Amino acid sequence: MMFWIREIVGWVLVVAALVVMQMGLNFALSSGSPKIVEASVVIFASLGLLRSGILLIRISTAARICKLDRQHEKSP
């Protein structure tokens, strides 16, 4: 069950990173006065969220593969 929780949290982090990245792009591309410094900080934060989400997804996938492999070894 921990695999699924980890994977769901990973996907939530990936979606959150995309939303934050959209917000940063809106800062950079605003027609009135573009806020480049603020946009770069927000984009940098979204990249951290994206990396952590992808890491959780990779870990849960590897754990599920290892669990299936162990089950396959135990069965005759």
C-alpha atoms as a PDB file:
ATOM      1  CA  MET A   1       0.000   0.000   0.000  1.00  0.00           C
ATOM      2  CA  MET A   2       2.911   2.379   0.634  1.00  0.00           C
ATOM      3  CA  PHE A   3       3.799   2.137  -3.050  1.00  0.00           C
ATOM      4  CA  TRP A   4       0.515   3.660  -4.077  1.00  0.00           C
ATOM      5  CA  ILE A   5       0.664   6.442  -1.509  1.00  0.00           C
ATOM      6  CA  ARG A   6       4.175   7.324  -2.630  1.00  0.00           C
ATOM      7  CA  GLU A   7       3.149   7.309  -6.273  1.00  0.00           C
ATOM      8  CA  ILE A   8       0.031   9.407  -5.701  1.00  0.00           C
ATOM      9  CA  VAL A   9       2.022  11.969  -3.727  1.00  0.00           C
ATOM     10  CA  GLY A  10       4.595  11.994  -6.543  1.00  0.00           C
ATOM     11  CA  TRP A  11       1.941  12.715  -9.162  1.00  0.00           C
ATOM     12  CA  VAL A  12       0.433  15.432  -6.958  1.00  0.00           C
ATOM     13  CA  LEU A  13       3.856  17.059  -6.715  1.00  0.00           C
ATOM     14  CA  VAL A  14       4.309  16.884 -10.492  1.00  0.00           C
ATOM     15  CA  VAL A  15       0.923  18.556 -11.064  1.00  0.00           C
ATOM     16  CA  ALA A  16       1.733  21.176  -8.420  1.00  0.00           C
ATOM     17  CA  ALA A  17       5.048  21.864 -10.159  1.00  0.00           C
ATOM     18  CA  LEU A  18       3.259  22.411 -13.456  1.00  0.00           C
ATOM     19  CA  VAL A  19       0.811  24.827 -11.812  1.00  0.00           C
ATOM     20  CA  VAL A  20       3.648  26.756 -10.150  1.00  0.00           C
ATOM     21  CA  MET A  21       5.548  26.812 -13.459  1.00  0.00           C
ATOM     22  CA  GLN A  22       2.464  28.263 -15.160  1.00  0.00           C
ATOM     23  CA  MET A  23       2.367  30.953 -12.483  1.00  0.00           C
ATOM     24  CA  GLY A  24       6.038  31.756 -13.079  1.00  0.00           C
ATOM     25  CA  LEU A  25       5.487  32.009 -16.819  1.00  0.00           C
ATOM     26  CA  ASN A  26       2.585  34.375 -16.184  1.00  0.00           C
ATOM     27  CA  PHE A  27       4.969  36.547 -14.142  1.00  0.00           C
ATOM     28  CA  ALA A  28       7.525  36.579 -16.942  1.00  0.00           C
ATOM     29  CA  LEU A  29       5.071  37.159 -19.774  1.00  0.00           C
ATOM     30  CA  SER A  30       2.794  39.715 -18.141  1.00  0.00           C
ATOM     31  CA  SER A  31       2.072  42.530 -20.570  1.00  0.00           C
ATOM     32  CA  GLY A  32       2.134  45.367 -18.043  1.00  0.00           C
ATOM     33  CA  SER A  33       5.489  44.969 -16.360  1.00  0.00           C
ATOM     34  CA  PRO A  34       7.254  41.619 -16.598  1.00  0.00           C
ATOM     35  CA  LYS A  35       8.690  40.442 -13.291  1.00  0.00           C
ATOM     36  CA  ILE A  36      11.728  38.502 -14.436  1.00  0.00           C
ATOM     37  CA  VAL A  37      13.412  38.056 -11.045  1.00  0.00           C
ATOM     38  CA  GLU A  38      10.220  36.843  -9.374  1.00  0.00           C
ATOM     39  CA  ALA A  39       9.533  34.539 -12.308  1.00  0.00           C
ATOM     40  CA  SER A  40      12.993  32.975 -12.091  1.00  0.00           C
ATOM     41  CA  VAL A  41      12.550  32.272  -8.371  1.00  0.00           C
ATOM     42  CA  VAL A  42       9.149  30.698  -8.941  1.00  0.00           C
ATOM     43  CA  ILE A  43      10.419  28.603 -11.875  1.00  0.00           C
ATOM     44  CA  PHE A  44      13.389  27.441  -9.773  1.00  0.00           C
ATOM     45  CA  ALA A  45      10.992  26.363  -6.995  1.00  0.00           C
ATOM     46  CA  SER A  46       8.803  24.528  -9.491  1.00  0.00           C
ATOM     47  CA  LEU A  47      11.826  22.625 -10.790  1.00  0.00           C
ATOM     48  CA  GLY A  48      12.513  21.450  -7.227  1.00  0.00           C
ATOM     49  CA  LEU A  49       8.915  20.269  -6.900  1.00  0.00           C
ATOM     50  CA  LEU A  50       9.144  18.504 -10.252  1.00  0.00           C
ATOM     51  CA  ARG A  51      12.346  16.691  -9.303  1.00  0.00           C
ATOM     52  CA  SER A  52      10.944  15.536  -5.982  1.00  0.00           C
ATOM     53  CA  GLY A  53       7.729  14.320  -7.601  1.00  0.00           C
ATOM     54  CA  ILE A  54       9.586  12.374 -10.272  1.00  0.00           C
ATOM     55  CA  LEU A  55      11.864  10.897  -7.597  1.00  0.00           C
ATOM     56  CA  LEU A  56       8.879   9.612  -5.617  1.00  0.00           C
ATOM     57  CA  ILE A  57       7.358   8.101  -8.756  1.00  0.00           C
ATOM     58  CA  ARG A  58      10.655   6.381  -9.632  1.00  0.00           C
ATOM     59  CA  ILE A  59      11.064   5.014  -6.103  1.00  0.00           C
ATOM     60  CA  SER A  60       7.539   3.600  -5.976  1.00  0.00           C
ATOM     61  CA  THR A  61       7.921   2.021  -9.413  1.00  0.00           C
ATOM     62  CA  ALA A  62      11.217   0.401  -8.446  1.00  0.00           C
ATOM     63  CA  ALA A  63       9.720  -0.882  -5.191  1.00  0.00           C
ATOM     64  CA  ARG A  64       6.772  -2.439  -7.016  1.00  0.00           C
ATOM     65  CA  ILE A  65       9.123  -4.115  -9.505  1.00  0.00           C
ATOM     66  CA  CYS A  66      11.249  -5.527  -6.661  1.00  0.00           C
ATOM     67  CA  LYS A  67       8.148  -6.795  -4.878  1.00  0.00           C
ATOM     68  CA  LEU A  68       6.911  -8.542  -8.032  1.00  0.00           C
ATOM     69  CA  ASP A  69      10.349 -10.056  -8.586  1.00  0.00           C
ATOM     70  CA  ARG A  70      10.441 -11.441  -5.037  1.00  0.00           C
ATOM     71  CA  GLN A  71       6.978 -12.926  -5.460  1.00  0.00           C
ATOM     72  CA  HIS A  72       8.078 -14.506  -8.712  1.00  0.00           C
ATOM     73  CA  GLU A  73      11.144 -16.069  -7.035  1.00  0.00           C
ATOM     74  CA  LYS A  74       9.092 -17.541  -4.174  1.00  0.00           C
ATOM     75  CA  SER A  75       6.518 -19.240  -6.386  1.00  0.00           C
ATOM     76  CA  PRO A  76       7.653 -22.651  -7.718  1.00  0.00           C
END
